[in-house]
N, C-alpha and C. Protein backbone atom coordinates (compact mmCIF):
# COMPACT_ATOMS: atom_id res chain seq x y z
N MET A 1 -0.01 -12.50 2.31
CA MET A 1 -0.31 -11.12 2.65
C MET A 1 -1.81 -10.94 2.60
N VAL A 2 -2.35 -10.23 3.54
CA VAL A 2 -3.78 -9.96 3.59
C VAL A 2 -3.98 -8.48 3.30
N GLY A 3 -4.81 -8.18 2.31
CA GLY A 3 -5.01 -6.80 1.90
C GLY A 3 -6.22 -6.13 2.53
N MET A 4 -6.76 -6.73 3.58
CA MET A 4 -7.92 -6.19 4.28
C MET A 4 -9.04 -5.87 3.30
N SER A 5 -9.32 -4.61 3.05
CA SER A 5 -10.44 -4.26 2.17
C SER A 5 -10.00 -3.98 0.74
N THR A 6 -8.75 -4.22 0.41
CA THR A 6 -8.22 -3.86 -0.90
C THR A 6 -8.98 -4.52 -2.04
N VAL A 7 -9.22 -5.81 -1.95
CA VAL A 7 -9.88 -6.53 -3.05
C VAL A 7 -11.29 -6.00 -3.31
N PRO A 8 -12.15 -5.89 -2.30
CA PRO A 8 -13.49 -5.36 -2.59
C PRO A 8 -13.45 -3.93 -3.15
N GLU A 9 -12.53 -3.11 -2.65
CA GLU A 9 -12.43 -1.73 -3.15
C GLU A 9 -12.01 -1.71 -4.62
N VAL A 10 -11.09 -2.57 -5.00
CA VAL A 10 -10.65 -2.63 -6.39
C VAL A 10 -11.77 -3.15 -7.29
N ILE A 11 -12.49 -4.14 -6.84
CA ILE A 11 -13.61 -4.67 -7.62
C ILE A 11 -14.62 -3.56 -7.91
N VAL A 12 -14.97 -2.79 -6.89
CA VAL A 12 -15.93 -1.70 -7.07
C VAL A 12 -15.36 -0.63 -8.00
N ALA A 13 -14.10 -0.28 -7.83
CA ALA A 13 -13.47 0.75 -8.68
C ALA A 13 -13.46 0.31 -10.15
N VAL A 14 -13.08 -0.93 -10.40
CA VAL A 14 -13.05 -1.43 -11.78
C VAL A 14 -14.46 -1.48 -12.35
N HIS A 15 -15.42 -1.90 -11.54
CA HIS A 15 -16.82 -1.91 -11.98
C HIS A 15 -17.29 -0.51 -12.36
N ALA A 16 -16.75 0.50 -11.67
CA ALA A 16 -17.12 1.89 -11.97
C ALA A 16 -16.31 2.46 -13.13
N GLY A 17 -15.43 1.63 -13.73
CA GLY A 17 -14.67 2.08 -14.88
C GLY A 17 -13.38 2.81 -14.55
N LEU A 18 -12.95 2.72 -13.32
CA LEU A 18 -11.72 3.42 -12.92
C LEU A 18 -10.49 2.54 -13.15
N LYS A 19 -9.37 3.19 -13.45
CA LYS A 19 -8.10 2.48 -13.48
C LYS A 19 -7.59 2.40 -12.05
N VAL A 20 -6.95 1.29 -11.72
CA VAL A 20 -6.54 1.07 -10.33
C VAL A 20 -5.06 0.72 -10.26
N LEU A 21 -4.38 1.30 -9.29
CA LEU A 21 -3.02 0.94 -8.94
C LEU A 21 -3.03 0.65 -7.45
N GLY A 22 -2.59 -0.52 -7.08
CA GLY A 22 -2.56 -0.89 -5.67
C GLY A 22 -1.15 -0.89 -5.12
N LEU A 23 -0.96 -0.22 -4.01
CA LEU A 23 0.33 -0.20 -3.31
C LEU A 23 0.08 -0.60 -1.87
N SER A 24 0.96 -1.40 -1.32
CA SER A 24 0.80 -1.84 0.06
C SER A 24 2.10 -1.71 0.82
N VAL A 25 1.98 -1.52 2.11
CA VAL A 25 3.10 -1.56 3.02
C VAL A 25 2.82 -2.71 3.98
N VAL A 26 3.71 -3.69 4.00
CA VAL A 26 3.55 -4.82 4.91
C VAL A 26 4.10 -4.39 6.27
N THR A 27 3.21 -4.32 7.25
CA THR A 27 3.61 -3.81 8.56
C THR A 27 3.83 -4.92 9.59
N ASP A 28 3.46 -6.15 9.26
CA ASP A 28 3.66 -7.27 10.20
C ASP A 28 3.89 -8.53 9.37
N MET A 29 5.10 -9.05 9.39
CA MET A 29 5.44 -10.20 8.57
C MET A 29 4.75 -11.48 9.03
N CYS A 30 4.46 -11.62 10.29
CA CYS A 30 3.77 -12.79 10.84
C CYS A 30 4.43 -14.09 10.36
N LEU A 31 5.71 -14.22 10.61
CA LEU A 31 6.46 -15.40 10.18
C LEU A 31 6.14 -16.57 11.11
N PRO A 32 5.66 -17.69 10.56
CA PRO A 32 5.25 -18.82 11.41
C PRO A 32 6.35 -19.35 12.34
N ASP A 33 7.60 -19.30 11.90
CA ASP A 33 8.70 -19.81 12.72
C ASP A 33 9.27 -18.78 13.69
N ALA A 34 8.76 -17.55 13.62
CA ALA A 34 9.27 -16.49 14.49
C ALA A 34 8.14 -15.55 14.89
N LEU A 35 7.07 -16.12 15.40
CA LEU A 35 5.90 -15.31 15.75
C LEU A 35 6.21 -14.35 16.89
N GLU A 36 5.75 -13.14 16.72
CA GLU A 36 5.85 -12.11 17.75
C GLU A 36 4.47 -11.49 17.93
N GLU A 37 4.20 -11.02 19.11
CA GLU A 37 2.93 -10.35 19.34
C GLU A 37 2.91 -9.02 18.58
N ALA A 38 1.85 -8.82 17.82
CA ALA A 38 1.71 -7.56 17.08
C ALA A 38 1.23 -6.48 18.03
N SER A 39 1.78 -5.28 17.86
CA SER A 39 1.30 -4.16 18.66
C SER A 39 1.06 -2.98 17.73
N VAL A 40 0.14 -2.15 18.13
CA VAL A 40 -0.18 -0.96 17.33
C VAL A 40 1.06 -0.09 17.18
N GLU A 41 1.84 0.02 18.24
CA GLU A 41 3.04 0.85 18.21
C GLU A 41 4.03 0.36 17.15
N LYS A 42 4.26 -0.97 17.10
CA LYS A 42 5.19 -1.53 16.11
C LYS A 42 4.67 -1.33 14.69
N ILE A 43 3.38 -1.57 14.51
CA ILE A 43 2.77 -1.43 13.18
C ILE A 43 2.88 0.02 12.70
N LEU A 44 2.58 0.97 13.58
CA LEU A 44 2.68 2.38 13.20
C LEU A 44 4.13 2.80 12.93
N ALA A 45 5.07 2.25 13.68
CA ALA A 45 6.48 2.57 13.47
C ALA A 45 6.94 2.09 12.09
N VAL A 46 6.53 0.89 11.69
CA VAL A 46 6.90 0.37 10.37
C VAL A 46 6.25 1.22 9.28
N ALA A 47 4.99 1.57 9.46
CA ALA A 47 4.29 2.41 8.48
C ALA A 47 4.97 3.77 8.35
N ARG A 48 5.36 4.35 9.48
CA ARG A 48 6.04 5.66 9.44
C ARG A 48 7.39 5.56 8.72
N SER A 49 8.10 4.47 8.93
CA SER A 49 9.40 4.32 8.29
C SER A 49 9.27 4.11 6.79
N ALA A 50 8.16 3.55 6.35
CA ALA A 50 7.92 3.32 4.92
C ALA A 50 7.40 4.57 4.21
N GLU A 51 6.90 5.52 4.95
CA GLU A 51 6.25 6.70 4.37
C GLU A 51 7.12 7.46 3.37
N PRO A 52 8.38 7.75 3.66
CA PRO A 52 9.17 8.51 2.67
C PRO A 52 9.34 7.76 1.35
N LYS A 53 9.54 6.44 1.43
CA LYS A 53 9.70 5.65 0.21
C LYS A 53 8.40 5.61 -0.58
N LEU A 54 7.30 5.39 0.11
CA LEU A 54 6.00 5.34 -0.55
C LEU A 54 5.65 6.69 -1.16
N ARG A 55 5.96 7.76 -0.43
CA ARG A 55 5.71 9.11 -0.95
C ARG A 55 6.50 9.34 -2.25
N ALA A 56 7.76 8.88 -2.29
CA ALA A 56 8.58 9.04 -3.48
C ALA A 56 8.01 8.26 -4.66
N VAL A 57 7.55 7.05 -4.40
CA VAL A 57 6.95 6.23 -5.46
C VAL A 57 5.70 6.90 -6.01
N ILE A 58 4.81 7.34 -5.13
CA ILE A 58 3.56 7.97 -5.56
C ILE A 58 3.84 9.27 -6.31
N THR A 59 4.79 10.07 -5.81
CA THR A 59 5.14 11.32 -6.48
C THR A 59 5.64 11.06 -7.89
N ALA A 60 6.49 10.06 -8.05
CA ALA A 60 7.02 9.72 -9.38
C ALA A 60 5.91 9.23 -10.31
N ILE A 61 5.00 8.43 -9.79
CA ILE A 61 3.89 7.92 -10.61
C ILE A 61 3.01 9.07 -11.09
N VAL A 62 2.66 9.97 -10.18
CA VAL A 62 1.80 11.10 -10.54
C VAL A 62 2.52 12.02 -11.53
N ARG A 63 3.79 12.29 -11.29
CA ARG A 63 4.58 13.13 -12.19
C ARG A 63 4.66 12.50 -13.59
N ASP A 64 4.96 11.20 -13.64
CA ASP A 64 5.07 10.51 -14.94
C ASP A 64 3.73 10.42 -15.65
N ALA A 65 2.65 10.24 -14.90
CA ALA A 65 1.31 10.17 -15.49
C ALA A 65 0.96 11.52 -16.10
N GLY A 66 1.31 12.60 -15.41
CA GLY A 66 1.05 13.95 -15.92
C GLY A 66 1.86 14.23 -17.17
N ALA A 67 3.11 13.78 -17.21
CA ALA A 67 3.96 13.99 -18.38
C ALA A 67 3.45 13.18 -19.57
N ALA A 68 2.89 12.01 -19.31
CA ALA A 68 2.39 11.16 -20.38
C ALA A 68 1.18 11.77 -21.07
N GLU A 69 0.45 12.62 -20.36
CA GLU A 69 -0.75 13.23 -20.94
C GLU A 69 -0.43 14.47 -21.76
N LEU A 70 0.79 14.97 -21.70
CA LEU A 70 1.15 16.18 -22.43
C LEU A 70 1.38 15.91 -23.88
């Protein structure tokens, strides 16, 4: 998996003293034995389909983090 700019961004955030949580959505599996041409439309469709699940995860994390501070 390639995280594009994730690694440099995390390095900078940690250097600045921030806590970091990384979440990713894999939008193109790029399987060597089953290569398909990647298209923006397919990538966006996968990202859109992952959005509700990712939103639920982030909402739960933020809610639990807020409860932990009480």
